[in-house]
C-alpha atoms as a PDB file:
ATOM      1  CA  MET A   1      75.061   4.412  66.154  1.00  0.00           C
ATOM      2  CA  PRO A   2      74.940   1.401  68.620  1.00  0.00           C
ATOM      3  CA  ALA A   3      76.988   1.842  71.758  1.00  0.00           C
ATOM      4  CA  PRO A   4      79.728  -0.891  70.904  1.00  0.00           C
ATOM      5  CA  LEU A   5      80.370   0.973  67.570  1.00  0.00           C
ATOM      6  CA  GLN A   6      80.546   4.518  68.913  1.00  0.00           C
ATOM      7  CA  ASN A   7      84.198   4.368  69.927  1.00  0.00           C
ATOM      8  CA  LYS A   8      85.538   2.716  66.757  1.00  0.00           C
ATOM      9  CA  SER A   9      87.651   4.311  64.105  1.00  0.00           C
ATOM     10  CA  ILE A  10      86.486   4.582  60.560  1.00  0.00           C
ATOM     11  CA  ASN A  11      88.771   1.765  59.466  1.00  0.00           C
ATOM     12  CA  GLU A  12      87.486  -0.532  62.187  1.00  0.00           C
ATOM     13  CA  LEU A  13      83.965   0.304  61.221  1.00  0.00           C
ATOM     14  CA  LYS A  14      84.643  -0.566  57.610  1.00  0.00           C
ATOM     15  CA  VAL A  15      86.031  -3.960  58.649  1.00  0.00           C
ATOM     16  CA  ILE A  16      83.001  -4.620  60.924  1.00  0.00           C
ATOM     17  CA  VAL A  17      80.654  -3.669  58.027  1.00  0.00           C
ATOM     18  CA  LYS A  18      82.504  -5.960  55.662  1.00  0.00           C
ATOM     19  CA  LEU A  19      82.354  -8.812  58.133  1.00  0.00           C
ATOM     20  CA  LYS A  20      78.630  -8.273  58.708  1.00  0.00           C
ATOM     21  CA  ALA A  21      77.954  -8.094  55.035  1.00  0.00           C
ATOM     22  CA  SER A  22      79.668 -11.391  54.435  1.00  0.00           C
ATOM     23  CA  GLU A  23      77.815 -12.865  57.454  1.00  0.00           C
ATOM     24  CA  ARG A  24      74.437 -11.694  55.920  1.00  0.00           C
ATOM     25  CA  GLU A  25      75.343 -13.069  52.542  1.00  0.00           C
ATOM     26  CA  LYS A  26      76.152 -16.537  54.037  1.00  0.00           C
ATOM     27  CA  ILE A  27      72.904 -16.522  56.040  1.00  0.00           C
ATOM     28  CA  GLN A  28      70.899 -15.509  52.847  1.00  0.00           C
ATOM     29  CA  LYS A  29      72.389 -18.505  50.891  1.00  0.00           C
ATOM     30  CA  GLU A  30      71.531 -20.795  53.752  1.00  0.00           C
ATOM     31  CA  ILE A  31      67.969 -19.463  53.856  1.00  0.00           C
ATOM     32  CA  GLN A  32      67.627 -19.985  50.035  1.00  0.00           C
ATOM     33  CA  GLU A  33      68.917 -23.626  50.302  1.00  0.00           C
ATOM     34  CA  LEU A  34      66.478 -24.343  53.189  1.00  0.00           C
ATOM     35  CA  ASN A  35      63.713 -22.824  51.316  1.00  0.00           C
ATOM     36  CA  LYS A  36      64.422 -25.051  48.225  1.00  0.00           C
ATOM     37  CA  LYS A  37      64.475 -28.188  50.475  1.00  0.00           C
ATOM     38  CA  ARG A  38      61.182 -26.986  52.029  1.00  0.00           C
ATOM     39  CA  ARG A  39      59.511 -26.516  48.669  1.00  0.00           C
ATOM     40  CA  LYS A  40      60.666 -29.916  47.551  1.00  0.00           C
ATOM     41  CA  PHE A  41      59.547 -31.573  50.689  1.00  0.00           C
ATOM     42  CA  ILE A  42      56.067 -29.846  50.419  1.00  0.00           C
ATOM     43  CA  ALA A  43      55.776 -30.880  46.800  1.00  0.00           C
ATOM     44  CA  GLU A  44      56.579 -34.462  47.608  1.00  0.00           C
ATOM     45  CA  LYS A  45      54.052 -34.563  50.485  1.00  0.00           C
ATOM     46  CA  GLN A  46      51.380 -33.043  48.152  1.00  0.00           C
ATOM     47  CA  LYS A  47      52.052 -35.746  45.631  1.00  0.00           C
ATOM     48  CA  GLU A  48      51.557 -38.381  48.327  1.00  0.00           C
ATOM     49  CA  GLY A  49      48.364 -36.577  49.508  1.00  0.00           C
ATOM     50  CA  ILE A  50      46.922 -36.635  46.016  1.00  0.00           C
ATOM     51  CA  LYS A  51      46.663 -40.433  46.216  1.00  0.00           C
ATOM     52  CA  LYS A  52      45.157 -40.384  49.746  1.00  0.00           C
ATOM     53  CA  ASP A  53      42.811 -37.334  49.433  1.00  0.00           C
ATOM     54  CA  ASP A  54      41.749 -36.726  45.935  1.00  0.00           C
ATOM     55  CA  LEU A  55      38.628 -34.930  46.682  1.00  0.00           C
ATOM     56  CA  ASN A  56      40.358 -32.387  48.904  1.00  0.00           C
ATOM     57  CA  ASN A  57      43.125 -31.753  46.384  1.00  0.00           C
ATOM     58  CA  VAL A  58      40.774 -31.482  43.478  1.00  0.00           C
ATOM     59  CA  MET A  59      38.787 -28.844  45.401  1.00  0.00           C
ATOM     60  CA  ILE A  60      41.943 -26.978  46.371  1.00  0.00           C
ATOM     61  CA  GLN A  61      43.055 -26.995  42.692  1.00  0.00           C
ATOM     62  CA  ALA A  62      39.762 -25.727  41.538  1.00  0.00           C
ATOM     63  CA  ILE A  63      39.797 -22.912  44.091  1.00  0.00           C
ATOM     64  CA  LYS A  64      43.373 -22.023  43.001  1.00  0.00           C
ATOM     65  CA  ARG A  65      42.259 -21.893  39.329  1.00  0.00           C
ATOM     66  CA  GLN A  66      39.352 -19.717  40.186  1.00  0.00           C
ATOM     67  CA  ALA A  67      41.511 -17.434  42.341  1.00  0.00           C
ATOM     68  CA  LYS A  68      44.103 -17.090  39.522  1.00  0.00           C
ATOM     69  CA  LEU A  69      41.406 -16.043  37.107  1.00  0.00           C
ATOM     70  CA  LYS A  70      40.533 -13.288  39.565  1.00  0.00           C
ATOM     71  CA  ASN A  71      44.234 -12.309  40.082  1.00  0.00           C
ATOM     72  CA  TYR A  72      44.416 -13.515  43.650  1.00  0.00           C
ATOM     73  CA  ASN A  73      47.605 -14.857  45.101  1.00  0.00           C
ATOM     74  CA  TRP A  74      48.583 -16.878  48.138  1.00  0.00           C
END
């Protein structure tokens, strides 16, 4: 057990664990929200890029299709 927690009573440890659990839950929600924003941003930029760089995107899509047929993921 970490040094700061060694001299705590069982009740104090339970309170600390509950606080940390709620803190983790809050952070996980924030991560999920930021990930949604990130995916949306990337999708928008890719749509913009399709207009600018059609050949590159067509090649990437072809590679992704071929990879999917061979069960590759990235």
